[in-house]
């Protein structure tokens, strides 16, 4: 499970950057611009999501669900899931592994092309070529579908499939396809923008995790 969650963490946040618009599909560009306009107006987001992973040739599956609390202005986030929590105060990331009773502390790497929970709603703005493909439906919801291909061929994933609610211009889900045959999907179940989020959400309180091993990797 640690491997799965490590891969998950490597694929979830946002570094707001200028879109790379050269040699892009004009129709896909139009849709992504509309999505960006919507999310750029938010200061905070609270989103309920589900996560599923199918790894490699053995096709072993893993699922989880949780809530993301995102403070865009200050690049902070807190994710709660059944198996773990992740708290970022913009300087350090605290990963709380509930089953293992372990807290791992790592320094935040400020990379403009990283995908993690702080930029989950805007990662596509730079470092990708994109193309619009055929619409799909989820129940009665019509979805625009954009395929994102990283411009850096050294990335460990080959493609991201981004599905967008055609009516609301909100992201419905994203699926990452890695080069080893794995698939990692995030589905946004609900989201509330500009909610007043308590500062305590974004700080690690050691007293809440009595009996946990603290592993400082900074």
C-alpha atoms as a PDB file:
ATOM      1  CA  UNK A   1       0.000   0.000   0.000  1.00  0.00           C
ATOM      2  CA  UNK A   2       2.861   2.398   0.740  1.00  0.00           C
ATOM      3  CA  UNK A   3       4.008   2.093  -2.865  1.00  0.00           C
ATOM      4  CA  UNK A   4       0.531   2.855  -4.173  1.00  0.00           C
ATOM      5  CA  UNK A   5       0.134   5.878  -1.940  1.00  0.00           C
ATOM      6  CA  UNK A   6       3.588   7.140  -2.856  1.00  0.00           C
ATOM      7  CA  UNK A   7       2.652   7.006  -6.527  1.00  0.00           C
ATOM      8  CA  UNK A   8      -0.638   8.700  -5.730  1.00  0.00           C
ATOM      9  CA  UNK A   9       1.113  11.534  -3.925  1.00  0.00           C
ATOM     10  CA  UNK A  10       3.436  12.019  -6.854  1.00  0.00           C
ATOM     11  CA  UNK A  11       0.459  12.605  -9.127  1.00  0.00           C
ATOM     12  CA  UNK A  12      -1.893  14.840  -7.093  1.00  0.00           C
ATOM     13  CA  UNK A  13      -1.156  19.599  -6.537  1.00  0.00           C
ATOM     14  CA  UNK A  14      -0.966  22.856  -8.487  1.00  0.00           C
ATOM     15  CA  UNK A  15       1.777  25.246  -9.398  1.00  0.00           C
ATOM     16  CA  UNK A  16      -0.057  28.039 -11.166  1.00  0.00           C
ATOM     17  CA  UNK A  17       1.879  28.788 -14.320  1.00  0.00           C
ATOM     18  CA  UNK A  18       1.417  30.383 -17.719  1.00  0.00           C
ATOM     19  CA  UNK A  19      -0.225  27.929 -20.128  1.00  0.00           C
ATOM     20  CA  UNK A  20       1.960  26.517 -22.874  1.00  0.00           C
ATOM     21  CA  UNK A  21      -0.286  27.206 -25.817  1.00  0.00           C
ATOM     22  CA  UNK A  22       1.911  26.595 -28.834  1.00  0.00           C
ATOM     23  CA  UNK A  23       0.942  23.809 -31.247  1.00  0.00           C
ATOM     24  CA  UNK A  24      -2.138  22.886 -29.255  1.00  0.00           C
ATOM     25  CA  UNK A  25      -5.583  21.675 -30.272  1.00  0.00           C
ATOM     26  CA  UNK A  26      -7.649  24.890 -30.473  1.00  0.00           C
ATOM     27  CA  UNK A  27     -10.865  23.189 -29.308  1.00  0.00           C
ATOM     28  CA  UNK A  28      -9.100  21.613 -26.316  1.00  0.00           C
ATOM     29  CA  UNK A  29      -7.456  24.952 -25.537  1.00  0.00           C
ATOM     30  CA  UNK A  30     -10.858  26.674 -25.464  1.00  0.00           C
ATOM     31  CA  UNK A  31     -12.288  24.154 -23.000  1.00  0.00           C
ATOM     32  CA  UNK A  32      -9.229  24.220 -20.724  1.00  0.00           C
ATOM     33  CA  UNK A  33      -9.270  28.025 -20.721  1.00  0.00           C
ATOM     34  CA  UNK A  34     -12.900  27.934 -19.544  1.00  0.00           C
ATOM     35  CA  UNK A  35     -11.983  25.437 -16.815  1.00  0.00           C
ATOM     36  CA  UNK A  36      -9.040  27.589 -15.716  1.00  0.00           C
ATOM     37  CA  UNK A  37     -11.230  30.693 -15.552  1.00  0.00           C
ATOM     38  CA  UNK A  38     -13.611  28.868 -13.219  1.00  0.00           C
ATOM     39  CA  UNK A  39     -10.962  27.533 -10.842  1.00  0.00           C
ATOM     40  CA  UNK A  40      -8.799  30.665 -10.917  1.00  0.00           C
ATOM     41  CA  UNK A  41     -11.696  32.535  -9.299  1.00  0.00           C
ATOM     42  CA  UNK A  42     -11.539  30.278  -6.232  1.00  0.00           C
ATOM     43  CA  UNK A  43      -9.437  31.073  -3.158  1.00  0.00           C
ATOM     44  CA  UNK A  44     -10.232  27.786  -1.400  1.00  0.00           C
ATOM     45  CA  UNK A  45     -11.769  24.470  -2.430  1.00  0.00           C
ATOM     46  CA  UNK A  46     -13.215  21.634  -0.381  1.00  0.00           C
ATOM     47  CA  UNK A  47     -13.682  18.555  -2.563  1.00  0.00           C
ATOM     48  CA  UNK A  48     -14.825  15.012  -1.865  1.00  0.00           C
ATOM     49  CA  UNK A  49     -13.152  12.490  -4.141  1.00  0.00           C
ATOM     50  CA  UNK A  50     -12.613   8.812  -4.799  1.00  0.00           C
ATOM     51  CA  UNK A  51      -9.339   7.225  -5.867  1.00  0.00           C
ATOM     52  CA  UNK A  52      -8.649   3.953  -7.651  1.00  0.00           C
ATOM     53  CA  UNK A  53      -5.408   2.371  -8.813  1.00  0.00           C
ATOM     54  CA  UNK A  54      -4.652  -0.563 -11.080  1.00  0.00           C
ATOM     55  CA  UNK A  55      -0.967  -1.362 -10.948  1.00  0.00           C
ATOM     56  CA  UNK A  56       1.233  -2.976 -13.565  1.00  0.00           C
ATOM     57  CA  UNK A  57       0.955  -6.350 -15.212  1.00  0.00           C
ATOM     58  CA  UNK A  58      -0.599  -8.065 -12.189  1.00  0.00           C
ATOM     59  CA  UNK A  59      -3.502  -5.570 -12.332  1.00  0.00           C
ATOM     60  CA  UNK A  60      -3.761  -5.439  -8.550  1.00  0.00           C
ATOM     61  CA  UNK A  61      -6.416  -2.911  -7.563  1.00  0.00           C
ATOM     62  CA  UNK A  62      -6.670  -0.430  -4.732  1.00  0.00           C
ATOM     63  CA  UNK A  63      -9.459   2.022  -3.897  1.00  0.00           C
ATOM     64  CA  UNK A  64      -9.927   4.770  -1.338  1.00  0.00           C
ATOM     65  CA  UNK A  65     -11.945   7.939  -0.806  1.00  0.00           C
ATOM     66  CA  UNK A  66     -11.454  11.187   1.010  1.00  0.00           C
ATOM     67  CA  UNK A  67     -11.696  14.955   1.201  1.00  0.00           C
ATOM     68  CA  UNK A  68      -9.297  17.598  -0.076  1.00  0.00           C
ATOM     69  CA  UNK A  69      -9.078  20.979   1.666  1.00  0.00           C
ATOM     70  CA  UNK A  70      -7.117  23.364  -0.552  1.00  0.00           C
ATOM     71  CA  UNK A  71      -5.923  26.868   0.350  1.00  0.00           C
ATOM     72  CA  UNK A  72      -4.779  28.047  -3.069  1.00  0.00           C
ATOM     73  CA  UNK A  73      -3.552  31.469  -2.001  1.00  0.00           C
ATOM     74  CA  UNK A  74      -1.059  30.024   0.479  1.00  0.00           C
ATOM     75  CA  UNK A  75      -0.303  26.747  -1.382  1.00  0.00           C
ATOM     76  CA  UNK A  76      -1.523  24.659   1.551  1.00  0.00           C
ATOM     77  CA  UNK A  77      -3.644  21.526   1.576  1.00  0.00           C
ATOM     78  CA  UNK A  78      -4.971  18.784   3.826  1.00  0.00           C
ATOM     79  CA  UNK A  79      -6.200  15.434   2.522  1.00  0.00           C
ATOM     80  CA  UNK A  80      -8.062  12.954   4.684  1.00  0.00           C
ATOM     81  CA  UNK A  81      -8.599   9.385   3.473  1.00  0.00           C
ATOM     82  CA  UNK A  82      -9.496   6.075   5.047  1.00  0.00           C
ATOM     83  CA  UNK A  83      -5.884   4.902   4.951  1.00  0.00           C
ATOM     84  CA  UNK A  84      -3.929   8.091   5.519  1.00  0.00           C
ATOM     85  CA  UNK A  85      -3.797  11.858   5.852  1.00  0.00           C
ATOM     86  CA  UNK A  86      -1.544  14.379   4.117  1.00  0.00           C
ATOM     87  CA  UNK A  87      -0.976  17.859   5.534  1.00  0.00           C
ATOM     88  CA  UNK A  88       1.035  20.499   3.705  1.00  0.00           C
ATOM     89  CA  UNK A  89       1.834  23.860   5.298  1.00  0.00           C
ATOM     90  CA  UNK A  90       3.652  24.937   2.070  1.00  0.00           C
ATOM     91  CA  UNK A  91       7.051  24.158   3.631  1.00  0.00           C
ATOM     92  CA  UNK A  92       6.741  20.553   4.808  1.00  0.00           C
ATOM     93  CA  UNK A  93       4.477  17.634   3.937  1.00  0.00           C
ATOM     94  CA  UNK A  94       3.258  15.376   6.752  1.00  0.00           C
ATOM     95  CA  UNK A  95       2.048  11.976   5.570  1.00  0.00           C
ATOM     96  CA  UNK A  96       0.186  10.090   8.295  1.00  0.00           C
ATOM     97  CA  UNK A  97      -0.043   6.342   7.644  1.00  0.00           C
ATOM     98  CA  UNK A  98      -2.837   5.126   9.882  1.00  0.00           C
ATOM     99  CA  UNK A  99      -2.327   1.367   9.605  1.00  0.00           C
ATOM    100  CA  UNK A 100       1.430   1.623  10.147  1.00  0.00           C
ATOM    101  CA  UNK A 101       1.044   4.309  12.866  1.00  0.00           C
ATOM    102  CA  UNK A 102       3.784   6.315  11.219  1.00  0.00           C
ATOM    103  CA  UNK A 103       4.211   9.982  10.260  1.00  0.00           C
ATOM    104  CA  UNK A 104       6.628  10.800   7.450  1.00  0.00           C
ATOM    105  CA  UNK A 105       7.828  14.417   7.149  1.00  0.00           C
ATOM    106  CA  UNK A 106       9.300  15.648   3.869  1.00  0.00           C
ATOM    107  CA  UNK A 107      10.311  19.036   2.510  1.00  0.00           C
ATOM    108  CA  UNK A 108       8.045  20.532  -0.160  1.00  0.00           C
ATOM    109  CA  UNK A 109       9.705  20.620  -3.562  1.00  0.00           C
ATOM    110  CA  UNK A 110       8.617  23.757  -5.399  1.00  0.00           C
ATOM    111  CA  UNK A 111       8.627  22.408  -8.936  1.00  0.00           C
ATOM    112  CA  UNK A 112       6.623  24.181 -11.627  1.00  0.00           C
ATOM    113  CA  UNK A 113       5.770  20.931 -13.411  1.00  0.00           C
ATOM    114  CA  UNK A 114       4.916  18.725 -10.432  1.00  0.00           C
ATOM    115  CA  UNK A 115       1.409  17.323 -10.107  1.00  0.00           C
ATOM    116  CA  UNK A 116       0.166  17.085  -6.532  1.00  0.00           C
ATOM    117  CA  UNK A 117      -2.829  18.112  -4.370  1.00  0.00           C
ATOM    118  CA  UNK A 118      -1.970  21.801  -4.417  1.00  0.00           C
ATOM    119  CA  UNK A 119      -2.436  21.994  -8.201  1.00  0.00           C
ATOM    120  CA  UNK A 120      -4.884  19.211  -8.906  1.00  0.00           C
ATOM    121  CA  UNK A 121      -7.191  21.729 -10.582  1.00  0.00           C
ATOM    122  CA  UNK A 122      -4.548  23.443 -12.727  1.00  0.00           C
ATOM    123  CA  UNK A 123      -1.626  21.084 -13.402  1.00  0.00           C
ATOM    124  CA  UNK A 124      -2.515  20.976 -17.098  1.00  0.00           C
ATOM    125  CA  UNK A 125      -1.558  24.626 -17.610  1.00  0.00           C
ATOM    126  CA  UNK A 126       2.046  23.888 -18.507  1.00  0.00           C
ATOM    127  CA  UNK A 127       4.184  21.010 -19.736  1.00  0.00           C
ATOM    128  CA  UNK A 128       1.553  19.251 -21.857  1.00  0.00           C
ATOM    129  CA  UNK A 129       0.325  18.901 -25.390  1.00  0.00           C
ATOM    130  CA  UNK A 130      -3.417  18.400 -25.419  1.00  0.00           C
ATOM    131  CA  UNK A 131      -6.116  17.229 -27.786  1.00  0.00           C
ATOM    132  CA  UNK A 132      -9.907  17.043 -27.620  1.00  0.00           C
ATOM    133  CA  UNK A 133     -11.389  13.580 -28.245  1.00  0.00           C
ATOM    134  CA  UNK A 134     -14.950  12.251 -28.399  1.00  0.00           C
ATOM    135  CA  UNK A 135     -17.357  13.231 -25.614  1.00  0.00           C
ATOM    136  CA  UNK A 136     -18.313  10.623 -23.012  1.00  0.00           C
ATOM    137  CA  UNK A 137     -21.150  10.289 -20.508  1.00  0.00           C
ATOM    138  CA  UNK A 138     -21.230   9.406 -16.806  1.00  0.00           C
ATOM    139  CA  UNK A 139     -24.836   8.621 -16.066  1.00  0.00           C
ATOM    140  CA  UNK A 140     -26.708  11.571 -17.543  1.00  0.00           C
ATOM    141  CA  UNK A 141     -23.712  13.920 -17.350  1.00  0.00           C
ATOM    142  CA  UNK A 142     -22.091  14.821 -20.673  1.00  0.00           C
ATOM    143  CA  UNK A 143     -18.316  15.104 -20.404  1.00  0.00           C
ATOM    144  CA  UNK A 144     -15.730  16.769 -22.618  1.00  0.00           C
ATOM    145  CA  UNK A 145     -12.605  14.597 -22.843  1.00  0.00           C
ATOM    146  CA  UNK A 146      -9.093  16.019 -23.234  1.00  0.00           C
ATOM    147  CA  UNK A 147      -5.969  13.886 -23.592  1.00  0.00           C
ATOM    148  CA  UNK A 148      -2.809  15.440 -22.112  1.00  0.00           C
ATOM    149  CA  UNK A 149       0.604  14.209 -23.216  1.00  0.00           C
ATOM    150  CA  UNK A 150       3.694  15.421 -21.320  1.00  0.00           C
ATOM    151  CA  UNK A 151       6.180  17.367 -23.416  1.00  0.00           C
ATOM    152  CA  UNK A 152       8.976  15.810 -21.345  1.00  0.00           C
ATOM    153  CA  UNK A 153       9.349  12.225 -22.578  1.00  0.00           C
ATOM    154  CA  UNK A 154      11.234  11.319 -19.389  1.00  0.00           C
ATOM    155  CA  UNK A 155       8.079  11.548 -17.279  1.00  0.00           C
ATOM    156  CA  UNK A 156       7.042   8.198 -15.778  1.00  0.00           C
ATOM    157  CA  UNK A 157       3.538   8.525 -17.203  1.00  0.00           C
ATOM    158  CA  UNK A 158       2.513   8.545 -20.856  1.00  0.00           C
ATOM    159  CA  UNK A 159      -0.881  10.260 -20.797  1.00  0.00           C
ATOM    160  CA  UNK A 160      -3.519  11.883 -18.610  1.00  0.00           C
ATOM    161  CA  UNK A 161      -7.181  11.665 -19.545  1.00  0.00           C
ATOM    162  CA  UNK A 162      -9.079  14.668 -18.185  1.00  0.00           C
ATOM    163  CA  UNK A 163     -12.896  14.636 -18.237  1.00  0.00           C
ATOM    164  CA  UNK A 164     -14.785  17.886 -17.734  1.00  0.00           C
ATOM    165  CA  UNK A 165     -18.465  18.450 -17.007  1.00  0.00           C
ATOM    166  CA  UNK A 166     -19.620  20.146 -20.197  1.00  0.00           C
ATOM    167  CA  UNK A 167     -22.335  22.177 -18.438  1.00  0.00           C
ATOM    168  CA  UNK A 168     -20.452  23.405 -15.356  1.00  0.00           C
ATOM    169  CA  UNK A 169     -16.846  23.478 -16.734  1.00  0.00           C
ATOM    170  CA  UNK A 170     -15.704  21.665 -13.584  1.00  0.00           C
ATOM    171  CA  UNK A 171     -13.285  18.736 -13.624  1.00  0.00           C
ATOM    172  CA  UNK A 172     -15.158  15.444 -13.277  1.00  0.00           C
ATOM    173  CA  UNK A 173     -12.205  13.059 -13.125  1.00  0.00           C
ATOM    174  CA  UNK A 174      -8.616  12.490 -14.197  1.00  0.00           C
ATOM    175  CA  UNK A 175      -6.904   9.224 -15.096  1.00  0.00           C
ATOM    176  CA  UNK A 176      -3.110   8.918 -15.207  1.00  0.00           C
ATOM    177  CA  UNK A 177      -1.575   6.170 -17.356  1.00  0.00           C
ATOM    178  CA  UNK A 178       1.948   5.263 -16.302  1.00  0.00           C
ATOM    179  CA  UNK A 179       4.528   3.606 -18.524  1.00  0.00           C
ATOM    180  CA  UNK A 180       4.376   0.332 -16.573  1.00  0.00           C
ATOM    181  CA  UNK A 181       0.712  -0.262 -17.384  1.00  0.00           C
ATOM    182  CA  UNK A 182      -0.724   1.270 -14.223  1.00  0.00           C
ATOM    183  CA  UNK A 183      -3.798   3.498 -14.122  1.00  0.00           C
ATOM    184  CA  UNK A 184      -4.607   5.974 -11.344  1.00  0.00           C
ATOM    185  CA  UNK A 185      -8.012   7.657 -11.344  1.00  0.00           C
ATOM    186  CA  UNK A 186      -9.376  10.541  -9.262  1.00  0.00           C
ATOM    187  CA  UNK A 187     -13.089  11.319  -9.402  1.00  0.00           C
ATOM    188  CA  UNK A 188     -14.385  14.561  -7.883  1.00  0.00           C
ATOM    189  CA  UNK A 189     -17.661  13.648  -6.176  1.00  0.00           C
ATOM    190  CA  UNK A 190     -18.511  17.150  -4.956  1.00  0.00           C
ATOM    191  CA  UNK A 191     -16.755  20.460  -4.413  1.00  0.00           C
ATOM    192  CA  UNK A 192     -17.433  23.650  -2.489  1.00  0.00           C
ATOM    193  CA  UNK A 193     -15.480  26.771  -3.519  1.00  0.00           C
ATOM    194  CA  UNK A 194     -14.450  29.706  -1.345  1.00  0.00           C
ATOM    195  CA  UNK A 195     -15.372  28.036   1.933  1.00  0.00           C
ATOM    196  CA  UNK A 196     -13.828  29.481   5.092  1.00  0.00           C
ATOM    197  CA  UNK A 197     -11.219  26.859   6.066  1.00  0.00           C
ATOM    198  CA  UNK A 198      -9.747  26.888   9.560  1.00  0.00           C
ATOM    199  CA  UNK A 199      -5.975  27.450   9.710  1.00  0.00           C
ATOM    200  CA  UNK A 200      -5.624  24.438  11.996  1.00  0.00           C
ATOM    201  CA  UNK A 201      -6.374  22.192   9.008  1.00  0.00           C
ATOM    202  CA  UNK A 202      -2.984  23.069   7.549  1.00  0.00           C
ATOM    203  CA  UNK A 203      -0.742  22.510  10.553  1.00  0.00           C
ATOM    204  CA  UNK A 204       0.483  19.230  11.993  1.00  0.00           C
ATOM    205  CA  UNK A 205      -0.522  18.683  15.625  1.00  0.00           C
ATOM    206  CA  UNK A 206       1.800  16.021  17.029  1.00  0.00           C
ATOM    207  CA  UNK A 207      -0.379  15.510  20.113  1.00  0.00           C
ATOM    208  CA  UNK A 208      -3.126  14.008  17.929  1.00  0.00           C
ATOM    209  CA  UNK A 209      -0.836  11.125  16.954  1.00  0.00           C
ATOM    210  CA  UNK A 210       0.354   9.716  20.244  1.00  0.00           C
ATOM    211  CA  UNK A 211       2.109   6.386  19.727  1.00  0.00           C
ATOM    212  CA  UNK A 212       3.001   7.131  16.089  1.00  0.00           C
ATOM    213  CA  UNK A 213       6.607   6.829  14.893  1.00  0.00           C
ATOM    214  CA  UNK A 214       7.863  10.159  13.489  1.00  0.00           C
ATOM    215  CA  UNK A 215      10.200   9.774  10.488  1.00  0.00           C
ATOM    216  CA  UNK A 216      11.736  13.116   9.478  1.00  0.00           C
ATOM    217  CA  UNK A 217      13.056  12.934   5.895  1.00  0.00           C
ATOM    218  CA  UNK A 218      13.852  16.620   5.473  1.00  0.00           C
END
